[in-house]
Each structure stands twice: as C-alpha cells, then as structure tokens.
C-alpha cells in the first residue's frame, strides 16, 4: 500500500484514472503538475 491506496485497487484502474491518481498523490508530497504542458514543474 502506498499513499493509502491498496495495490489491488491501483492495478484495477484504467490508464486515465491511474495517471490522475498518481498525479494527485505526487501533489500530496509537494510536487506541482502543470496541466497545460502535462508535466511536473521543476522544484526550485
């Protein structure tokens, strides 16, 4: 389990939902995602 999401749930998601959850979980750890460029912003 990582970020409170059980592996069986994570691997049962379709590609779009899995990517959305991965982005959101990364944001919980301080990352910032730019939807316009579809990439993470560099940390300063």
N, C-alpha and C. Protein backbone atom coordinates (compact mmCIF):
# COMPACT_ATOMS: atom_id res chain seq x y z
N UNK A 1 0.85 -1.16 0.00
CA UNK A 1 0.00 0.00 0.00
C UNK A 1 0.90 1.24 0.00
N UNK A 2 0.58 2.18 -0.85
CA UNK A 2 1.34 3.42 -0.93
C UNK A 2 0.35 4.58 -1.02
N UNK A 3 0.55 5.60 -0.22
CA UNK A 3 -0.36 6.75 -0.16
C UNK A 3 -1.78 6.34 0.22
N UNK A 4 -1.92 5.24 0.91
CA UNK A 4 -3.23 4.80 1.36
C UNK A 4 -4.06 4.08 0.31
N UNK A 5 -3.46 3.78 -0.84
CA UNK A 5 -4.17 3.10 -1.92
C UNK A 5 -3.68 1.67 -2.00
N UNK A 6 -4.54 0.69 -1.74
CA UNK A 6 -4.12 -0.71 -1.84
C UNK A 6 -3.71 -1.07 -3.28
N UNK A 7 -2.72 -1.94 -3.41
CA UNK A 7 -2.22 -2.29 -4.73
C UNK A 7 -3.30 -2.90 -5.62
N UNK A 8 -4.19 -3.70 -5.06
CA UNK A 8 -5.22 -4.30 -5.91
C UNK A 8 -6.14 -3.24 -6.50
N UNK A 9 -6.39 -2.17 -5.77
CA UNK A 9 -7.20 -1.07 -6.30
C UNK A 9 -6.42 -0.32 -7.37
N UNK A 10 -5.17 0.01 -7.07
CA UNK A 10 -4.34 0.76 -8.02
C UNK A 10 -4.20 0.04 -9.36
N UNK A 11 -4.00 -1.28 -9.32
CA UNK A 11 -3.80 -2.02 -10.56
C UNK A 11 -5.09 -2.37 -11.28
N UNK A 12 -6.23 -2.11 -10.64
CA UNK A 12 -7.50 -2.38 -11.31
C UNK A 12 -8.03 -1.16 -12.05
N UNK A 13 -7.37 -0.01 -11.92
CA UNK A 13 -7.82 1.22 -12.56
C UNK A 13 -7.42 1.26 -14.02
N UNK A 14 -8.23 1.99 -14.82
CA UNK A 14 -7.83 2.18 -16.22
C UNK A 14 -6.68 3.20 -16.27
N UNK A 15 -6.05 3.33 -17.41
CA UNK A 15 -4.85 4.16 -17.53
C UNK A 15 -5.09 5.61 -17.14
N UNK A 16 -6.22 6.17 -17.54
CA UNK A 16 -6.51 7.58 -17.26
C UNK A 16 -6.69 7.82 -15.77
N UNK A 17 -7.44 6.97 -15.11
CA UNK A 17 -7.67 7.14 -13.68
C UNK A 17 -6.39 6.88 -12.89
N UNK A 18 -5.59 5.91 -13.33
CA UNK A 18 -4.32 5.63 -12.65
C UNK A 18 -3.38 6.82 -12.75
N UNK A 19 -3.33 7.46 -13.93
CA UNK A 19 -2.48 8.64 -14.10
C UNK A 19 -2.99 9.78 -13.22
N UNK A 20 -4.29 9.99 -13.17
CA UNK A 20 -4.86 11.06 -12.35
C UNK A 20 -4.54 10.85 -10.87
N UNK A 21 -4.66 9.63 -10.41
CA UNK A 21 -4.35 9.34 -9.00
C UNK A 21 -2.86 9.49 -8.72
N UNK A 22 -2.02 9.10 -9.67
CA UNK A 22 -0.57 9.25 -9.48
C UNK A 22 -0.18 10.72 -9.39
N UNK A 23 -0.79 11.55 -10.22
CA UNK A 23 -0.53 12.99 -10.17
C UNK A 23 -0.99 13.55 -8.84
N UNK A 24 -2.18 13.21 -8.41
CA UNK A 24 -2.71 13.73 -7.15
C UNK A 24 -1.86 13.27 -5.97
N UNK A 25 -1.45 12.02 -5.94
CA UNK A 25 -0.61 11.54 -4.84
C UNK A 25 0.74 12.24 -4.85
N UNK A 26 1.27 12.54 -6.03
CA UNK A 26 2.53 13.28 -6.11
C UNK A 26 2.36 14.69 -5.57
N UNK A 27 1.21 15.29 -5.83
CA UNK A 27 0.94 16.63 -5.31
C UNK A 27 0.84 16.62 -3.78
N UNK A 28 0.37 15.52 -3.22
CA UNK A 28 0.33 15.41 -1.76
C UNK A 28 1.73 15.51 -1.16
N UNK A 29 2.73 15.11 -1.94
CA UNK A 29 4.12 15.12 -1.49
C UNK A 29 4.87 16.37 -1.93
N UNK A 30 4.14 17.37 -2.42
CA UNK A 30 4.75 18.65 -2.74
C UNK A 30 5.04 18.92 -4.21
N UNK A 31 4.81 17.97 -5.07
CA UNK A 31 5.04 18.20 -6.50
C UNK A 31 3.93 19.10 -7.05
N UNK A 32 4.25 19.79 -8.14
CA UNK A 32 3.26 20.65 -8.79
C UNK A 32 3.15 20.23 -10.25
N UNK A 33 1.93 19.89 -10.68
CA UNK A 33 1.70 19.40 -12.04
C UNK A 33 1.07 20.51 -12.86
N UNK A 34 1.60 20.72 -14.06
CA UNK A 34 1.09 21.73 -14.99
C UNK A 34 0.23 21.03 -16.04
N UNK A 35 -1.08 21.26 -15.98
CA UNK A 35 -1.99 20.60 -16.92
C UNK A 35 -1.78 21.08 -18.36
N UNK A 36 -1.34 22.32 -18.52
CA UNK A 36 -1.14 22.85 -19.87
C UNK A 36 -0.03 22.11 -20.60
N UNK A 37 1.06 21.80 -19.88
CA UNK A 37 2.18 21.10 -20.51
C UNK A 37 2.17 19.60 -20.22
N UNK A 38 1.26 19.18 -19.33
CA UNK A 38 1.16 17.78 -18.92
C UNK A 38 2.49 17.26 -18.39
N UNK A 39 3.12 18.07 -17.52
CA UNK A 39 4.37 17.67 -16.92
C UNK A 39 4.48 18.30 -15.54
N UNK A 40 5.38 17.73 -14.74
CA UNK A 40 5.62 18.27 -13.42
C UNK A 40 6.55 19.48 -13.55
N UNK A 41 6.30 20.48 -12.73
CA UNK A 41 7.17 21.65 -12.71
C UNK A 41 8.43 21.31 -11.92
N UNK A 42 9.54 21.91 -12.32
CA UNK A 42 10.80 21.71 -11.63
C UNK A 42 10.72 22.35 -10.24
N UNK A 43 11.27 21.66 -9.26
CA UNK A 43 11.34 22.23 -7.91
C UNK A 43 12.50 23.21 -7.85
N UNK A 44 12.29 24.27 -7.11
CA UNK A 44 13.35 25.29 -7.00
C UNK A 44 14.25 25.03 -5.85
